[in-house]
C-alpha atoms as a PDB file:
ATOM      1  CA  UNK A   1      81.144  -3.582 -32.320  1.00  0.00           C
ATOM      2  CA  UNK A   2      78.826  -1.551 -34.536  1.00  0.00           C
ATOM      3  CA  UNK A   3      81.767  -0.336 -36.633  1.00  0.00           C
ATOM      4  CA  UNK A   4      83.215  -3.825 -36.889  1.00  0.00           C
ATOM      5  CA  UNK A   5      80.015  -5.505 -38.115  1.00  0.00           C
ATOM      6  CA  UNK A   6      80.053  -4.157 -41.716  1.00  0.00           C
ATOM      7  CA  UNK A   7      83.716  -5.082 -42.090  1.00  0.00           C
ATOM      8  CA  UNK A   8      83.111  -8.613 -40.851  1.00  0.00           C
ATOM      9  CA  UNK A   9      80.015  -8.924 -43.057  1.00  0.00           C
ATOM     10  CA  UNK A  10      81.976  -8.043 -46.188  1.00  0.00           C
ATOM     11  CA  UNK A  11      84.819 -10.354 -45.157  1.00  0.00           C
ATOM     12  CA  UNK A  12      82.331 -13.186 -44.586  1.00  0.00           C
ATOM     13  CA  UNK A  13      80.670 -12.625 -47.970  1.00  0.00           C
ATOM     14  CA  UNK A  14      84.059 -12.721 -49.697  1.00  0.00           C
ATOM     15  CA  UNK A  15      85.034 -15.939 -47.936  1.00  0.00           C
ATOM     16  CA  UNK A  16      81.677 -17.573 -48.739  1.00  0.00           C
ATOM     17  CA  UNK A  17      82.021 -16.618 -52.388  1.00  0.00           C
ATOM     18  CA  UNK A  18      85.552 -17.998 -52.486  1.00  0.00           C
ATOM     19  CA  UNK A  19      84.424 -21.241 -50.832  1.00  0.00           C
ATOM     20  CA  UNK A  20      81.578 -21.621 -53.319  1.00  0.00           C
ATOM     21  CA  UNK A  21      83.975 -21.066 -56.236  1.00  0.00           C
ATOM     22  CA  UNK A  22      86.451 -23.589 -54.846  1.00  0.00           C
ATOM     23  CA  UNK A  23      83.734 -26.149 -54.162  1.00  0.00           C
ATOM     24  CA  UNK A  24      81.915 -25.971 -57.484  1.00  0.00           C
ATOM     25  CA  UNK A  25      84.669 -25.058 -59.955  1.00  0.00           C
ATOM     26  CA  UNK A  26      88.089 -26.040 -58.644  1.00  0.00           C
ATOM     27  CA  UNK A  27      87.264 -29.249 -56.755  1.00  0.00           C
ATOM     28  CA  UNK A  28      87.719 -32.419 -58.807  1.00  0.00           C
ATOM     29  CA  UNK A  29      84.761 -34.563 -59.777  1.00  0.00           C
ATOM     30  CA  UNK A  30      84.386 -38.005 -58.269  1.00  0.00           C
ATOM     31  CA  UNK A  31      84.779 -41.043 -60.519  1.00  0.00           C
ATOM     32  CA  UNK A  32      81.517 -42.653 -59.379  1.00  0.00           C
ATOM     33  CA  UNK A  33      79.289 -39.756 -58.304  1.00  0.00           C
ATOM     34  CA  UNK A  34      80.360 -37.123 -60.815  1.00  0.00           C
ATOM     35  CA  UNK A  35      79.596 -33.461 -60.163  1.00  0.00           C
ATOM     36  CA  UNK A  36      77.140 -34.182 -57.337  1.00  0.00           C
ATOM     37  CA  UNK A  37      80.079 -34.996 -55.056  1.00  0.00           C
ATOM     38  CA  UNK A  38      81.402 -31.412 -55.199  1.00  0.00           C
ATOM     39  CA  UNK A  39      78.619 -30.025 -53.018  1.00  0.00           C
ATOM     40  CA  UNK A  40      80.193 -31.848 -50.047  1.00  0.00           C
ATOM     41  CA  UNK A  41      83.120 -29.421 -50.192  1.00  0.00           C
ATOM     42  CA  UNK A  42      80.742 -26.545 -49.462  1.00  0.00           C
ATOM     43  CA  UNK A  43      78.002 -28.191 -47.416  1.00  0.00           C
ATOM     44  CA  UNK A  44      80.078 -29.879 -44.708  1.00  0.00           C
ATOM     45  CA  UNK A  45      82.054 -26.766 -43.649  1.00  0.00           C
ATOM     46  CA  UNK A  46      78.812 -24.759 -43.677  1.00  0.00           C
ATOM     47  CA  UNK A  47      77.161 -27.323 -41.407  1.00  0.00           C
ATOM     48  CA  UNK A  48      80.100 -27.289 -38.978  1.00  0.00           C
ATOM     49  CA  UNK A  49      80.008 -23.489 -38.898  1.00  0.00           C
ATOM     50  CA  UNK A  50      76.274 -23.548 -38.168  1.00  0.00           C
ATOM     51  CA  UNK A  51      76.762 -26.039 -35.327  1.00  0.00           C
ATOM     52  CA  UNK A  52      79.539 -23.874 -33.881  1.00  0.00           C
ATOM     53  CA  UNK A  53      77.381 -20.742 -34.023  1.00  0.00           C
ATOM     54  CA  UNK A  54      74.406 -22.552 -32.444  1.00  0.00           C
ATOM     55  CA  UNK A  55      76.702 -23.643 -29.606  1.00  0.00           C
ATOM     56  CA  UNK A  56      78.054 -20.102 -29.135  1.00  0.00           C
ATOM     57  CA  UNK A  57      74.480 -18.792 -29.083  1.00  0.00           C
ATOM     58  CA  UNK A  58      73.541 -21.416 -26.491  1.00  0.00           C
ATOM     59  CA  UNK A  59      76.448 -20.384 -24.247  1.00  0.00           C
ATOM     60  CA  UNK A  60      75.611 -16.690 -24.710  1.00  0.00           C
ATOM     61  CA  UNK A  61      72.031 -17.346 -23.587  1.00  0.00           C
ATOM     62  CA  UNK A  62      73.009 -19.382 -20.535  1.00  0.00           C
ATOM     63  CA  UNK A  63      75.804 -17.045 -19.406  1.00  0.00           C
ATOM     64  CA  UNK A  64      73.496 -14.356 -17.890  1.00  0.00           C
ATOM     65  CA  UNK A  65      71.613 -16.984 -15.898  1.00  0.00           C
ATOM     66  CA  UNK A  66      74.837 -18.256 -14.360  1.00  0.00           C
ATOM     67  CA  UNK A  67      76.284 -14.786 -13.705  1.00  0.00           C
ATOM     68  CA  UNK A  68      73.417 -12.396 -12.929  1.00  0.00           C
ATOM     69  CA  UNK A  69      74.015  -8.671 -12.617  1.00  0.00           C
ATOM     70  CA  UNK A  70      73.045  -6.958  -9.383  1.00  0.00           C
ATOM     71  CA  UNK A  71      69.663  -5.288  -9.757  1.00  0.00           C
ATOM     72  CA  UNK A  72      69.327  -1.566  -9.362  1.00  0.00           C
ATOM     73  CA  UNK A  73      66.922  -0.321  -6.730  1.00  0.00           C
ATOM     74  CA  UNK A  74      64.405   2.311  -7.691  1.00  0.00           C
ATOM     75  CA  UNK A  75      64.219   5.098  -5.207  1.00  0.00           C
ATOM     76  CA  UNK A  76      61.020   6.944  -4.459  1.00  0.00           C
ATOM     77  CA  UNK A  77      58.532   4.180  -5.249  1.00  0.00           C
END
């Protein structure tokens, strides 16, 4: 996992940069709201990703409580 982390970090940074470019440059402006509407194209997917990662973190924190490891006994104490 330690070798995979830098690769995934760079891949994530590239995808975030691409999403920001698409949201602020390529996306069309709204007839009533103008350029302010474009931020929705970046903000909503970011919010969904954050909710997904919070849920994964919640599951990862509960998992050890549901499936405890057997404890090692110390000998000689």
